[in-house]
Structures are given as structure tokens and as C-alpha cells.
C-alpha atoms as a PDB file:
ATOM      1  CA  MET A   1      -4.296   0.760  10.601  1.00  0.00           C
ATOM      2  CA  MET A   2      -0.914  -0.341   9.280  1.00  0.00           C
ATOM      3  CA  THR A   3      -0.575  -4.109   8.557  1.00  0.00           C
ATOM      4  CA  GLN A   4       2.809  -4.055   7.132  1.00  0.00           C
ATOM      5  CA  THR A   5       5.455  -6.626   7.773  1.00  0.00           C
ATOM      6  CA  THR A   6       9.115  -6.028   7.682  1.00  0.00           C
ATOM      7  CA  THR A   7      11.364  -9.226   7.134  1.00  0.00           C
ATOM      8  CA  THR A   8      14.895  -9.548   6.067  1.00  0.00           C
ATOM      9  CA  PHE A   9      16.167 -11.601   3.026  1.00  0.00           C
ATOM     10  CA  LEU A  10      20.083 -11.989   3.112  1.00  0.00           C
ATOM     11  CA  GLY A  11      20.394  -8.800   4.926  1.00  0.00           C
ATOM     12  CA  MET A  12      17.960  -6.814   2.723  1.00  0.00           C
ATOM     13  CA  GLU A  13      15.020  -5.593   4.478  1.00  0.00           C
ATOM     14  CA  ALA A  14      11.503  -5.946   2.721  1.00  0.00           C
ATOM     15  CA  VAL A  15       8.481  -3.779   3.635  1.00  0.00           C
ATOM     16  CA  ILE A  16       5.527  -5.873   2.730  1.00  0.00           C
ATOM     17  CA  GLU A  17       2.026  -4.272   2.706  1.00  0.00           C
ATOM     18  CA  SER A  18       0.139  -4.859  -0.581  1.00  0.00           C
ATOM     19  CA  GLU A  19      -1.820  -7.987  -1.409  1.00  0.00           C
ATOM     20  CA  GLN A  20       0.203  -8.284  -4.715  1.00  0.00           C
ATOM     21  CA  ILE A  21       3.618  -8.657  -2.829  1.00  0.00           C
ATOM     22  CA  ARG A  22       2.090 -10.861  -0.185  1.00  0.00           C
ATOM     23  CA  ALA A  23       0.793 -13.151  -2.899  1.00  0.00           C
ATOM     24  CA  LEU A  24       4.017 -13.090  -4.787  1.00  0.00           C
ATOM     25  CA  LEU A  25       5.942 -14.183  -1.559  1.00  0.00           C
ATOM     26  CA  GLY A  26       3.550 -16.951  -1.114  1.00  0.00           C
ATOM     27  CA  THR A  27       4.401 -18.228  -4.581  1.00  0.00           C
ATOM     28  CA  ILE A  28       8.053 -17.804  -4.028  1.00  0.00           C
ATOM     29  CA  GLU A  29       7.772 -19.966  -0.866  1.00  0.00           C
ATOM     30  CA  ARG A  30       6.427 -22.867  -3.047  1.00  0.00           C
ATOM     31  CA  VAL A  31       8.780 -22.272  -6.029  1.00  0.00           C
ATOM     32  CA  ALA A  32      11.814 -22.091  -3.753  1.00  0.00           C
ATOM     33  CA  ARG A  33      11.288 -25.617  -2.522  1.00  0.00           C
ATOM     34  CA  SER A  34      11.798 -26.912  -6.026  1.00  0.00           C
ATOM     35  CA  GLN A  35      14.969 -27.015  -8.124  1.00  0.00           C
ATOM     36  CA  ALA A  36      13.554 -24.997 -11.034  1.00  0.00           C
ATOM     37  CA  THR A  37      15.581 -22.165 -12.638  1.00  0.00           C
ATOM     38  CA  VAL A  38      13.743 -18.947 -11.952  1.00  0.00           C
ATOM     39  CA  LEU A  39      13.539 -15.858 -14.168  1.00  0.00           C
ATOM     40  CA  ILE A  40      12.321 -12.623 -12.406  1.00  0.00           C
ATOM     41  CA  THR A  41      10.966  -9.934 -14.641  1.00  0.00           C
ATOM     42  CA  GLY A  42       9.966  -6.258 -13.854  1.00  0.00           C
ATOM     43  CA  GLU A  43      10.760  -2.734 -14.331  1.00  0.00           C
ATOM     44  CA  SER A  44      14.046  -1.157 -13.152  1.00  0.00           C
ATOM     45  CA  GLY A  45      13.827  -0.425  -9.390  1.00  0.00           C
ATOM     46  CA  SER A  46      10.856  -2.525  -8.695  1.00  0.00           C
ATOM     47  CA  GLY A  47      12.586  -4.850  -6.407  1.00  0.00           C
ATOM     48  CA  LYS A  48      13.804  -7.847  -8.385  1.00  0.00           C
ATOM     49  CA  GLU A  49      16.901  -8.515  -6.263  1.00  0.00           C
ATOM     50  CA  LEU A  50      14.787  -8.679  -3.150  1.00  0.00           C
ATOM     51  CA  ILE A  51      12.618 -11.316  -4.811  1.00  0.00           C
ATOM     52  CA  ALA A  52      15.657 -13.213  -5.867  1.00  0.00           C
ATOM     53  CA  ARG A  53      16.977 -13.157  -2.336  1.00  0.00           C
ATOM     54  CA  ALA A  54      13.640 -14.421  -1.129  1.00  0.00           C
ATOM     55  CA  VAL A  55      13.895 -17.372  -3.563  1.00  0.00           C
ATOM     56  CA  HIS A  56      17.252 -18.457  -1.912  1.00  0.00           C
ATOM     57  CA  HIS A  57      16.027 -17.646   1.631  1.00  0.00           C
ATOM     58  CA  TYR A  58      13.077 -19.970   1.350  1.00  0.00           C
ATOM     59  CA  SER A  59      14.949 -22.780  -0.508  1.00  0.00           C
ATOM     60  CA  ALA A  60      16.740 -25.763   0.793  1.00  0.00           C
ATOM     61  CA  ARG A  61      20.058 -24.086  -0.244  1.00  0.00           C
ATOM     62  CA  SER A  62      19.622 -21.222   2.206  1.00  0.00           C
ATOM     63  CA  HIS A  63      22.422 -22.338   4.238  1.00  0.00           C
ATOM     64  CA  LYS A  64      24.743 -22.584   1.269  1.00  0.00           C
ATOM     65  CA  PRO A  65      26.533 -19.698  -0.632  1.00  0.00           C
ATOM     66  CA  TRP A  66      24.712 -16.902  -2.364  1.00  0.00           C
ATOM     67  CA  VAL A  67      26.435 -15.226  -5.156  1.00  0.00           C
ATOM     68  CA  ASP A  68      25.312 -12.355  -7.323  1.00  0.00           C
ATOM     69  CA  LEU A  69      26.383 -10.559 -10.448  1.00  0.00           C
ATOM     70  CA  SER A  70      25.109  -7.741 -12.598  1.00  0.00           C
ATOM     71  CA  CYS A  71      25.642  -8.798 -16.190  1.00  0.00           C
ATOM     72  CA  ALA A  72      25.825  -5.063 -17.239  1.00  0.00           C
ATOM     73  CA  ALA A  73      28.299  -3.966 -14.558  1.00  0.00           C
ATOM     74  CA  LEU A  74      31.254  -5.783 -16.414  1.00  0.00           C
ATOM     75  CA  PRO A  75      32.859  -5.325 -19.901  1.00  0.00           C
ATOM     76  CA  GLU A  76      31.930  -8.236 -22.211  1.00  0.00           C
ATOM     77  CA  HIS A  77      35.563  -9.560 -22.129  1.00  0.00           C
ATOM     78  CA  LEU A  78      35.401  -9.905 -18.288  1.00  0.00           C
ATOM     79  CA  ILE A  79      32.083 -11.642 -17.829  1.00  0.00           C
ATOM     80  CA  GLU A  80      33.220 -15.048 -18.958  1.00  0.00           C
ATOM     81  CA  SER A  81      36.202 -15.005 -16.652  1.00  0.00           C
ATOM     82  CA  GLU A  82      33.995 -13.832 -13.643  1.00  0.00           C
ATOM     83  CA  LEU A  83      31.507 -16.553 -14.216  1.00  0.00           C
ATOM     84  CA  PHE A  84      33.678 -19.406 -15.115  1.00  0.00           C
ATOM     85  CA  GLY A  85      37.058 -18.576 -13.707  1.00  0.00           C
ATOM     86  CA  TYR A  86      40.478 -18.758 -15.311  1.00  0.00           C
ATOM     87  CA  GLU A  87      43.920 -20.422 -14.918  1.00  0.00           C
ATOM     88  CA  LYS A  88      47.221 -18.760 -14.444  1.00  0.00           C
ATOM     89  CA  GLY A  89      48.490 -17.287 -17.649  1.00  0.00           C
ATOM     90  CA  ALA A  90      45.291 -17.675 -19.419  1.00  0.00           C
ATOM     91  CA  PHE A  91      45.501 -13.961 -20.425  1.00  0.00           C
ATOM     92  CA  SER A  92      47.648 -11.025 -19.838  1.00  0.00           C
ATOM     93  CA  GLY A  93      47.515 -10.115 -16.115  1.00  0.00           C
ATOM     94  CA  ALA A  94      46.352 -13.602 -15.063  1.00  0.00           C
ATOM     95  CA  ASP A  95      49.212 -14.108 -12.584  1.00  0.00           C
ATOM     96  CA  THR A  96      47.168 -16.732 -10.457  1.00  0.00           C
ATOM     97  CA  SER A  97      44.328 -19.055 -11.045  1.00  0.00           C
ATOM     98  CA  LYS A  98      40.958 -17.787  -9.917  1.00  0.00           C
ATOM     99  CA  PRO A  99      37.635 -19.860  -9.423  1.00  0.00           C
ATOM    100  CA  GLY A 100      34.646 -18.422 -10.995  1.00  0.00           C
ATOM    101  CA  LEU A 101      31.377 -17.340  -9.506  1.00  0.00           C
ATOM    102  CA  PHE A 102      29.688 -20.666 -10.396  1.00  0.00           C
ATOM    103  CA  GLU A 103      32.349 -22.517  -8.429  1.00  0.00           C
ATOM    104  CA  MET A 104      32.002 -20.073  -5.503  1.00  0.00           C
ATOM    105  CA  ALA A 105      28.208 -20.706  -5.410  1.00  0.00           C
ATOM    106  CA  SER A 106      28.440 -24.490  -5.617  1.00  0.00           C
ATOM    107  CA  GLY A 107      25.612 -25.906  -3.543  1.00  0.00           C
ATOM    108  CA  GLY A 108      23.854 -22.578  -3.305  1.00  0.00           C
ATOM    109  CA  THR A 109      22.420 -19.974  -5.536  1.00  0.00           C
ATOM    110  CA  ILE A 110      23.761 -17.549  -8.222  1.00  0.00           C
ATOM    111  CA  PHE A 111      21.778 -14.560  -9.111  1.00  0.00           C
ATOM    112  CA  LEU A 112      22.352 -13.056 -12.551  1.00  0.00           C
ATOM    113  CA  ASP A 113      20.932  -9.673 -12.741  1.00  0.00           C
ATOM    114  CA  GLU A 114      20.278  -7.799 -16.022  1.00  0.00           C
ATOM    115  CA  ILE A 115      20.637 -11.183 -17.784  1.00  0.00           C
ATOM    116  CA  GLY A 116      19.454  -9.591 -21.075  1.00  0.00           C
ATOM    117  CA  GLU A 117      22.808  -8.000 -21.339  1.00  0.00           C
ATOM    118  CA  LEU A 118      24.670 -11.180 -21.459  1.00  0.00           C
ATOM    119  CA  ASP A 119      27.297 -11.631 -24.284  1.00  0.00           C
ATOM    120  CA  PRO A 120      25.959 -14.091 -26.913  1.00  0.00           C
ATOM    121  CA  ARG A 121      29.271 -16.147 -26.433  1.00  0.00           C
ATOM    122  CA  VAL A 122      28.687 -16.492 -22.795  1.00  0.00           C
ATOM    123  CA  GLN A 123      25.017 -17.401 -23.444  1.00  0.00           C
ATOM    124  CA  VAL A 124      26.155 -20.548 -25.035  1.00  0.00           C
ATOM    125  CA  LYS A 125      28.258 -21.641 -22.184  1.00  0.00           C
ATOM    126  CA  LEU A 126      25.702 -20.602 -19.605  1.00  0.00           C
ATOM    127  CA  LEU A 127      23.330 -22.856 -21.397  1.00  0.00           C
ATOM    128  CA  ARG A 128      25.557 -25.867 -21.128  1.00  0.00           C
ATOM    129  CA  VAL A 129      26.099 -25.155 -17.466  1.00  0.00           C
ATOM    130  CA  LEU A 130      22.376 -25.116 -16.892  1.00  0.00           C
ATOM    131  CA  ASP A 131      22.048 -28.519 -18.679  1.00  0.00           C
ATOM    132  CA  SER A 132      24.502 -29.848 -16.135  1.00  0.00           C
ATOM    133  CA  VAL A 133      27.509 -30.009 -18.587  1.00  0.00           C
ATOM    134  CA  ALA A 134      30.822 -29.530 -17.091  1.00  0.00           C
ATOM    135  CA  TYR A 135      32.947 -26.649 -18.265  1.00  0.00           C
ATOM    136  CA  TYR A 136      36.522 -25.474 -18.548  1.00  0.00           C
ATOM    137  CA  ARG A 137      37.946 -22.365 -16.753  1.00  0.00           C
ATOM    138  CA  LEU A 138      39.551 -19.895 -19.269  1.00  0.00           C
ATOM    139  CA  GLY A 139      42.748 -21.438 -20.164  1.00  0.00           C
ATOM    140  CA  GLY A 140      42.005 -24.657 -18.281  1.00  0.00           C
ATOM    141  CA  THR A 141      42.537 -28.259 -19.223  1.00  0.00           C
ATOM    142  CA  LYS A 142      40.305 -29.850 -16.454  1.00  0.00           C
ATOM    143  CA  LYS A 143      36.544 -29.757 -16.422  1.00  0.00           C
ATOM    144  CA  VAL A 144      34.643 -28.146 -13.637  1.00  0.00           C
ATOM    145  CA  SER A 145      31.331 -29.531 -12.402  1.00  0.00           C
ATOM    146  CA  VAL A 146      29.046 -27.407 -10.152  1.00  0.00           C
ATOM    147  CA  ASP A 147      25.687 -27.840  -8.397  1.00  0.00           C
ATOM    148  CA  VAL A 148      24.041 -24.360  -8.516  1.00  0.00           C
ATOM    149  CA  ARG A 149      20.570 -23.054  -8.823  1.00  0.00           C
ATOM    150  CA  VAL A 150      20.325 -19.981 -11.139  1.00  0.00           C
ATOM    151  CA  VAL A 151      17.996 -17.185 -10.532  1.00  0.00           C
ATOM    152  CA  ALA A 152      18.094 -14.437 -13.283  1.00  0.00           C
ATOM    153  CA  ALA A 153      16.431 -11.107 -13.601  1.00  0.00           C
ATOM    154  CA  THR A 154      15.701  -8.731 -16.284  1.00  0.00           C
ATOM    155  CA  ASN A 155      13.790  -5.412 -17.133  1.00  0.00           C
ATOM    156  CA  GLN A 156      13.778  -6.353 -20.662  1.00  0.00           C
ATOM    157  CA  ASP A 157      11.227  -8.233 -22.869  1.00  0.00           C
ATOM    158  CA  LEU A 158      13.380 -11.239 -23.501  1.00  0.00           C
ATOM    159  CA  GLU A 159      10.762 -12.830 -25.820  1.00  0.00           C
ATOM    160  CA  LYS A 160      11.229  -9.873 -27.989  1.00  0.00           C
ATOM    161  CA  ALA A 161      14.907 -10.210 -27.611  1.00  0.00           C
ATOM    162  CA  VAL A 162      14.662 -13.715 -28.916  1.00  0.00           C
ATOM    163  CA  ALA A 163      12.739 -12.621 -31.857  1.00  0.00           C
ATOM    164  CA  ASP A 164      15.102  -9.829 -32.541  1.00  0.00           C
ATOM    165  CA  GLY A 165      17.950 -12.380 -32.426  1.00  0.00           C
ATOM    166  CA  ARG A 166      19.636 -10.600 -29.415  1.00  0.00           C
ATOM    167  CA  PHE A 167      19.034 -13.587 -27.027  1.00  0.00           C
ATOM    168  CA  ARG A 168      19.063 -17.365 -27.409  1.00  0.00           C
ATOM    169  CA  GLY A 169      15.691 -18.864 -27.407  1.00  0.00           C
ATOM    170  CA  ASP A 170      16.915 -22.146 -25.901  1.00  0.00           C
ATOM    171  CA  LEU A 171      18.622 -20.299 -23.037  1.00  0.00           C
ATOM    172  CA  TYR A 172      15.422 -18.180 -22.377  1.00  0.00           C
ATOM    173  CA  HIS A 173      13.283 -21.168 -22.046  1.00  0.00           C
ATOM    174  CA  ARG A 174      15.964 -22.792 -19.893  1.00  0.00           C
ATOM    175  CA  LEU A 175      15.991 -19.829 -17.616  1.00  0.00           C
ATOM    176  CA  ALA A 176      12.329 -19.438 -17.484  1.00  0.00           C
ATOM    177  CA  GLN A 177      11.301 -22.791 -16.034  1.00  0.00           C
ATOM    178  CA  PHE A 178       9.439 -20.514 -13.624  1.00  0.00           C
ATOM    179  CA  THR A 179       8.837 -16.840 -14.128  1.00  0.00           C
ATOM    180  CA  LEU A 180       7.978 -14.304 -11.306  1.00  0.00           C
ATOM    181  CA  GLN A 181       6.627 -10.888 -12.264  1.00  0.00           C
ATOM    182  CA  VAL A 182       7.331  -8.111 -10.008  1.00  0.00           C
ATOM    183  CA  PRO A 183       4.661  -5.415 -10.342  1.00  0.00           C
ATOM    184  CA  PRO A 184       5.703  -1.784 -10.718  1.00  0.00           C
ATOM    185  CA  LEU A 185       5.101   0.495  -7.706  1.00  0.00           C
ATOM    186  CA  ARG A 186       2.211   2.291  -9.260  1.00  0.00           C
ATOM    187  CA  GLU A 187       0.262  -0.872  -9.479  1.00  0.00           C
ATOM    188  CA  ARG A 188       0.613  -1.612  -5.628  1.00  0.00           C
ATOM    189  CA  VAL A 189      -0.069   1.789  -4.164  1.00  0.00           C
ATOM    190  CA  ALA A 190      -0.547   0.170  -0.818  1.00  0.00           C
ATOM    191  CA  ASP A 191       3.196  -0.217  -0.679  1.00  0.00           C
ATOM    192  CA  ILE A 192       3.998   3.561  -1.250  1.00  0.00           C
ATOM    193  CA  ALA A 193       3.117   4.811   2.322  1.00  0.00           C
ATOM    194  CA  PRO A 194       4.924   2.181   4.305  1.00  0.00           C
ATOM    195  CA  LEU A 195       7.942   2.348   2.117  1.00  0.00           C
ATOM    196  CA  ALA A 196       7.955   6.075   2.472  1.00  0.00           C
ATOM    197  CA  HIS A 197       7.754   5.915   6.235  1.00  0.00           C
ATOM    198  CA  TYR A 198      10.541   3.146   6.285  1.00  0.00           C
ATOM    199  CA  PHE A 199      12.866   5.347   4.056  1.00  0.00           C
ATOM    200  CA  LEU A 200      12.072   8.438   6.122  1.00  0.00           C
ATOM    201  CA  ALA A 201      12.922   6.641   9.514  1.00  0.00           C
ATOM    202  CA  GLN A 202      16.246   5.555   8.068  1.00  0.00           C
ATOM    203  CA  GLN A 203      17.105   9.301   7.484  1.00  0.00           C
ATOM    204  CA  ASP A 204      15.578  10.724  10.739  1.00  0.00           C
ATOM    205  CA  PRO A 205      13.150   8.801  13.078  1.00  0.00           C
ATOM    206  CA  HIS A 206      11.894  12.157  14.395  1.00  0.00           C
ATOM    207  CA  LEU A 207      10.313  13.002  11.160  1.00  0.00           C
ATOM    208  CA  SER A 208       6.875  12.203  10.006  1.00  0.00           C
ATOM    209  CA  PHE A 209       4.553  12.840   6.997  1.00  0.00           C
ATOM    210  CA  ALA A 210       1.310  14.901   6.913  1.00  0.00           C
ATOM    211  CA  ALA A 211      -1.597  13.196   5.160  1.00  0.00           C
ATOM    212  CA  SER A 212      -1.318  15.686   2.359  1.00  0.00           C
ATOM    213  CA  ALA A 213       2.237  14.523   1.705  1.00  0.00           C
ATOM    214  CA  ILE A 214       1.215  10.843   1.535  1.00  0.00           C
ATOM    215  CA  ALA A 215      -1.541  11.718  -0.859  1.00  0.00           C
ATOM    216  CA  VAL A 216       0.972  13.282  -3.220  1.00  0.00           C
ATOM    217  CA  LEU A 217       3.253  10.357  -2.935  1.00  0.00           C
ATOM    218  CA  GLU A 218       0.559   7.905  -3.690  1.00  0.00           C
ATOM    219  CA  ALA A 219      -0.474   9.764  -6.776  1.00  0.00           C
ATOM    220  CA  GLN A 220       2.827   9.631  -8.382  1.00  0.00           C
ATOM    221  CA  PRO A 221       3.359   7.192 -11.137  1.00  0.00           C
ATOM    222  CA  TRP A 222       6.935   6.427  -9.973  1.00  0.00           C
ATOM    223  CA  PRO A 223       8.575   5.301 -13.179  1.00  0.00           C
ATOM    224  CA  GLY A 224      11.733   4.656 -11.309  1.00  0.00           C
ATOM    225  CA  ASN A 225       9.803   2.515  -8.793  1.00  0.00           C
ATOM    226  CA  ILE A 226      11.245   1.975  -5.256  1.00  0.00           C
ATOM    227  CA  ARG A 227      14.528   3.321  -6.201  1.00  0.00           C
ATOM    228  CA  GLU A 228      12.997   6.603  -7.194  1.00  0.00           C
ATOM    229  CA  LEU A 229      10.819   6.744  -4.223  1.00  0.00           C
ATOM    230  CA  ARG A 230      13.732   6.259  -1.712  1.00  0.00           C
ATOM    231  CA  ASN A 231      15.760   9.088  -3.519  1.00  0.00           C
ATOM    232  CA  VAL A 232      12.801  11.450  -3.284  1.00  0.00           C
ATOM    233  CA  ILE A 233      12.354  10.669   0.624  1.00  0.00           C
ATOM    234  CA  THR A 234      16.081  10.978   1.129  1.00  0.00           C
ATOM    235  CA  LYS A 235      16.181  14.452  -0.524  1.00  0.00           C
ATOM    236  CA  THR A 236      13.028  15.557   1.430  1.00  0.00           C
ATOM    237  CA  ALA A 237      14.330  14.383   4.744  1.00  0.00           C
ATOM    238  CA  VAL A 238      17.555  16.307   4.238  1.00  0.00           C
ATOM    239  CA  LEU A 239      15.703  19.561   3.412  1.00  0.00           C
ATOM    240  CA  ALA A 240      12.742  19.189   5.643  1.00  0.00           C
ATOM    241  CA  PRO A 241      12.029  22.593   7.418  1.00  0.00           C
ATOM    242  CA  ARG A 242      10.012  21.032  10.209  1.00  0.00           C
ATOM    243  CA  ASP A 243       9.324  17.721  11.931  1.00  0.00           C
ATOM    244  CA  GLU A 244       6.099  16.978   9.930  1.00  0.00           C
ATOM    245  CA  ILE A 245       6.612  16.849   6.103  1.00  0.00           C
ATOM    246  CA  SER A 246       3.785  18.399   4.167  1.00  0.00           C
ATOM    247  CA  ALA A 247       2.822  18.240   0.573  1.00  0.00           C
ATOM    248  CA  GLY A 248       4.609  21.595   0.111  1.00  0.00           C
ATOM    249  CA  ASP A 249       7.813  20.151   1.416  1.00  0.00           C
ATOM    250  CA  LEU A 250       7.716  17.371  -0.970  1.00  0.00           C
ATOM    251  CA  ALA A 251       7.213  19.557  -3.936  1.00  0.00           C
ATOM    252  CA  PHE A 252      10.841  20.547  -4.173  1.00  0.00           C
ATOM    253  CA  ALA A 253      12.154  17.042  -4.037  1.00  0.00           C
ATOM    254  CA  VAL A 254       9.673  15.730  -6.524  1.00  0.00           C
ATOM    255  CA  SER A 255      10.087  18.608  -8.918  1.00  0.00           C
ATOM    256  CA  ALA A 256      13.918  18.495  -8.536  1.00  0.00           C
ATOM    257  CA  HIS A 257      13.900  14.738  -9.136  1.00  0.00           C
ATOM    258  CA  ASP A 258      14.176  13.598 -12.805  1.00  0.00           C
ATOM    259  CA  SER A 259      11.124  11.316 -12.462  1.00  0.00           C
ATOM    260  CA  GLY A 260       9.685  11.941 -16.031  1.00  0.00           C
ATOM    261  CA  VAL A 261       6.333  12.554 -14.568  1.00  0.00           C
ATOM    262  CA  THR A 262       4.610  13.891 -17.665  1.00  0.00           C
ATOM    263  CA  ALA A 263       2.273  11.234 -18.958  1.00  0.00           C
ATOM    264  CA  LYS A 264      -1.490  11.090 -18.707  1.00  0.00           C
ATOM    265  CA  GLY A 265      -1.869  14.248 -16.700  1.00  0.00           C
ATOM    266  CA  ASN A 266      -0.026  12.758 -13.662  1.00  0.00           C
ATOM    267  CA  ASN A 267       2.511  15.699 -13.691  1.00  0.00           C
ATOM    268  CA  LEU A 268       3.549  17.699 -10.764  1.00  0.00           C
ATOM    269  CA  GLU A 269       1.057  20.327 -11.392  1.00  0.00           C
ATOM    270  CA  SER A 270      -1.890  18.059 -11.298  1.00  0.00           C
ATOM    271  CA  LEU A 271      -0.591  16.426  -8.057  1.00  0.00           C
ATOM    272  CA  GLU A 272      -0.179  19.892  -6.609  1.00  0.00           C
ATOM    273  CA  LYS A 273      -3.804  20.755  -7.620  1.00  0.00           C
ATOM    274  CA  ARG A 274      -5.038  17.691  -5.891  1.00  0.00           C
ATOM    275  CA  ALA A 275      -3.125  18.289  -2.677  1.00  0.00           C
ATOM    276  CA  ILE A 276      -4.717  21.879  -2.713  1.00  0.00           C
ATOM    277  CA  LEU A 277      -8.184  20.541  -3.454  1.00  0.00           C
ATOM    278  CA  ASP A 278      -7.975  17.933  -0.700  1.00  0.00           C
ATOM    279  CA  ALA A 279      -6.720  20.664   1.832  1.00  0.00           C
ATOM    280  CA  LEU A 280      -9.499  23.206   0.862  1.00  0.00           C
ATOM    281  CA  THR A 281     -12.182  20.300   0.971  1.00  0.00           C
ATOM    282  CA  ALA A 282     -10.742  19.397   4.432  1.00  0.00           C
ATOM    283  CA  SER A 283     -10.855  23.086   5.695  1.00  0.00           C
ATOM    284  CA  GLY A 284     -14.236  23.702   4.295  1.00  0.00           C
ATOM    285  CA  GLY A 285     -12.736  26.224   1.870  1.00  0.00           C
ATOM    286  CA  HIS A 286     -10.904  28.175   4.484  1.00  0.00           C
ATOM    287  CA  GLN A 287      -7.629  29.330   2.783  1.00  0.00           C
ATOM    288  CA  GLN A 288      -5.691  29.963   6.110  1.00  0.00           C
ATOM    289  CA  ARG A 289      -6.450  26.526   7.546  1.00  0.00           C
ATOM    290  CA  ALA A 290      -5.777  24.824   4.166  1.00  0.00           C
ATOM    291  CA  ALA A 291      -2.417  26.681   3.833  1.00  0.00           C
ATOM    292  CA  ALA A 292      -1.441  25.483   7.367  1.00  0.00           C
ATOM    293  CA  GLN A 293      -2.322  21.893   6.449  1.00  0.00           C
ATOM    294  CA  LEU A 294      -0.321  22.125   3.261  1.00  0.00           C
ATOM    295  CA  GLY A 295       2.651  23.549   5.292  1.00  0.00           C
ATOM    296  CA  ILE A 296       2.798  26.721   3.074  1.00  0.00           C
ATOM    297  CA  SER A 297       1.998  30.303   3.611  1.00  0.00           C
ATOM    298  CA  ARG A 298      -1.419  31.856   2.808  1.00  0.00           C
ATOM    299  CA  ARG A 299       0.477  34.005   0.423  1.00  0.00           C
ATOM    300  CA  THR A 300       1.817  31.062  -1.498  1.00  0.00           C
ATOM    301  CA  LEU A 301      -1.683  29.418  -1.492  1.00  0.00           C
ATOM    302  CA  ASN A 302      -3.153  32.603  -3.005  1.00  0.00           C
ATOM    303  CA  ARG A 303      -0.499  32.556  -5.649  1.00  0.00           C
ATOM    304  CA  LYS A 304      -1.275  28.983  -6.537  1.00  0.00           C
ATOM    305  CA  LEU A 305      -4.868  29.651  -6.785  1.00  0.00           C
ATOM    306  CA  LYS A 306      -4.482  32.525  -9.076  1.00  0.00           C
ATOM    307  CA  VAL A 307      -2.389  30.274 -11.296  1.00  0.00           C
ATOM    308  CA  TYR A 308      -4.796  27.298 -11.158  1.00  0.00           C
ATOM    309  CA  ARG A 309      -8.051  29.225 -10.701  1.00  0.00           C
ATOM    310  CA  PRO A 310     -10.412  28.127  -7.910  1.00  0.00           C
ATOM    311  CA  ALA A 311     -13.028  27.145 -10.470  1.00  0.00           C
ATOM    312  CA  ALA A 312     -10.753  24.722 -12.005  1.00  0.00           C
ATOM    313  CA  LEU A 313     -10.058  23.126  -8.574  1.00  0.00           C
ATOM    314  CA  GLY A 314     -13.879  22.603  -8.180  1.00  0.00           C
ATOM    315  CA  ALA A 315     -14.016  24.084  -4.675  1.00  0.00           C
ATOM    316  CA  ARG A 316     -15.296  27.334  -3.248  1.00  0.00           C
ATOM    317  CA  VAL A 317     -12.699  29.133  -1.122  1.00  0.00           C
ATOM    318  CA  SER A 318     -12.843  31.669   1.657  1.00  0.00           C
ATOM    319  CA  ALA A 319     -10.579  33.590   3.734  1.00  0.00           C
END
């Protein structure tokens, strides 16, 4: 039986099923009550922004502003002005003064995503702000003081970046007063089915998954994590030929999606073999019933069996 919980953090819904994420949220509730700067690490698409929002949600600052910025989304020459603001005439095009994101987040939380992409010059200024040192807007003559909690996230190995000279060691240690590691989706398989059902319902609440489809989804390594899963489900829902989505219906979306599923034998072919084996086992080796369960024609199943060879599937098949 599903024991999943759905909750919302700053307008972003979280589907919670696995013990890993439940434990992580328990840690977040304790960390959020402190004033510690938090560094969130994990692979791209694993849900780091959701975790950052949860930190703000559970903190005493939850009724104060939440401001977020992707450090990789802006050119280097704009990052400093966005974070710290500028005065009129500070540069060409600065026709009015503008407060920076730190000022806008005063009293609340600022989330700096992809912090590993931060320009070295801005790293110095950020370190000073974290040490509660007032700063100047670009072109300003009056210092600005702010009370802001910083939550940062990265998919990079910042310790290696420090060793390589690409990231300041003192800033890294200041950001990582507390580190939260978000596990990749392949390490929390219990989350795959609930997330798949959630994404499918968003597209069309009348659609559902056959057990064979869930088995294929749970066998994927998902290098793109939750973002990749959502993309596959979206494509599948749009192209679904029937109300119940089978493993065969998923094959197009999975194979068409650039998931990079090639390592350690977890490619689409091995997943397809597994789905066929499960269907044949469930049907007692009866091809017609197995094809119906898979949502494909018997002719297609026969073609697959000729390619894979029944012996390699480890099952005796019958008509």
C-alpha cells in the first residue's frame, strides 16, 4: 500500500515515500531552526531546490522573504549587480538605482543555486557578507547591512574545486556549516513509482500504469534524476494509446529520451528483457497472455523473442 506523503514547500509540491527522504526532512527540521548556513549537494535534477525551500519553510524566517538565484543563469558581469545592487550611473544603462537580492531577502533566506559557478571576484564579496560585513552597492558610497540566511546548492565536488583553485576554501567552509546530501533517484527506488503516478496525474488523471511499466521505470538508473523521470512520463502520457500505460508504451519514451542508459548493462534492451521475462513468468509462459500484459501484439512479442532468444530469457514459453 502507498504510504506517500505530499506536502508543499513555498508552492513546490514534494512527493515523499522513501525512507531516505523522510530521514532527510527530519534532519532539515532540526537544521532549519538554527542560523547555520546550509550547503545542499547532489546530482542535477535530484531535488536540491525543494530541499532548500524546505529549510526556509521550517525555519523561523518562513514568514520573511525567500529569494533565489541560479549562479549559472547570468553572465559573470551581471551576478555582482544582481546580488548586491547598484546605484544610478554605476555603469552604462544604470538609469536608476536598484537594490540587490541580498537586500530584497533581508530578514529571510537567499538561495544560491549552482554556487560552484560563482565568479571568483564575487566569491570574495559573498564571503564578507557571510561574515556580517556591510557592503557597497556597485557605484555606491553608503554601506548596506543585511540579515540574511544563505542556503547554497551545487552538483559539483566543491572540495575538489577548492583543491584545483577554482573555489575559495574559506568560502566553502563558511557555506558548509551544515551540509545536506540529496541522494540520486536510483538510490531511492521507493520514490520512483509515487513520482511517476504524480507526474502522470498532472498530465491526465484518467491514465494509469500497468505493473510491467512500473517495473521498467524502477529498473532505470535515471542519470537525470527526477527531472528526467518527469520528462519521460510527460512524453508517455501525451503518446499513450490507451488508459493503462504498459511497458511497451514506455519503451518509446525511454528510448527516445537521451537518458544515457548504457552503463552496467542497465540499457533499454536489458530492461525490455526483464519486462518480457516478468510477463512470461506471470503468464506461465503463455505468449498471448504475456503480450496482453505488456500491451503489445503477440507478433511483436514473437519478434522480440527471436532477437533475445527464449533461452537467454531463462523462461519456457508456449503459445
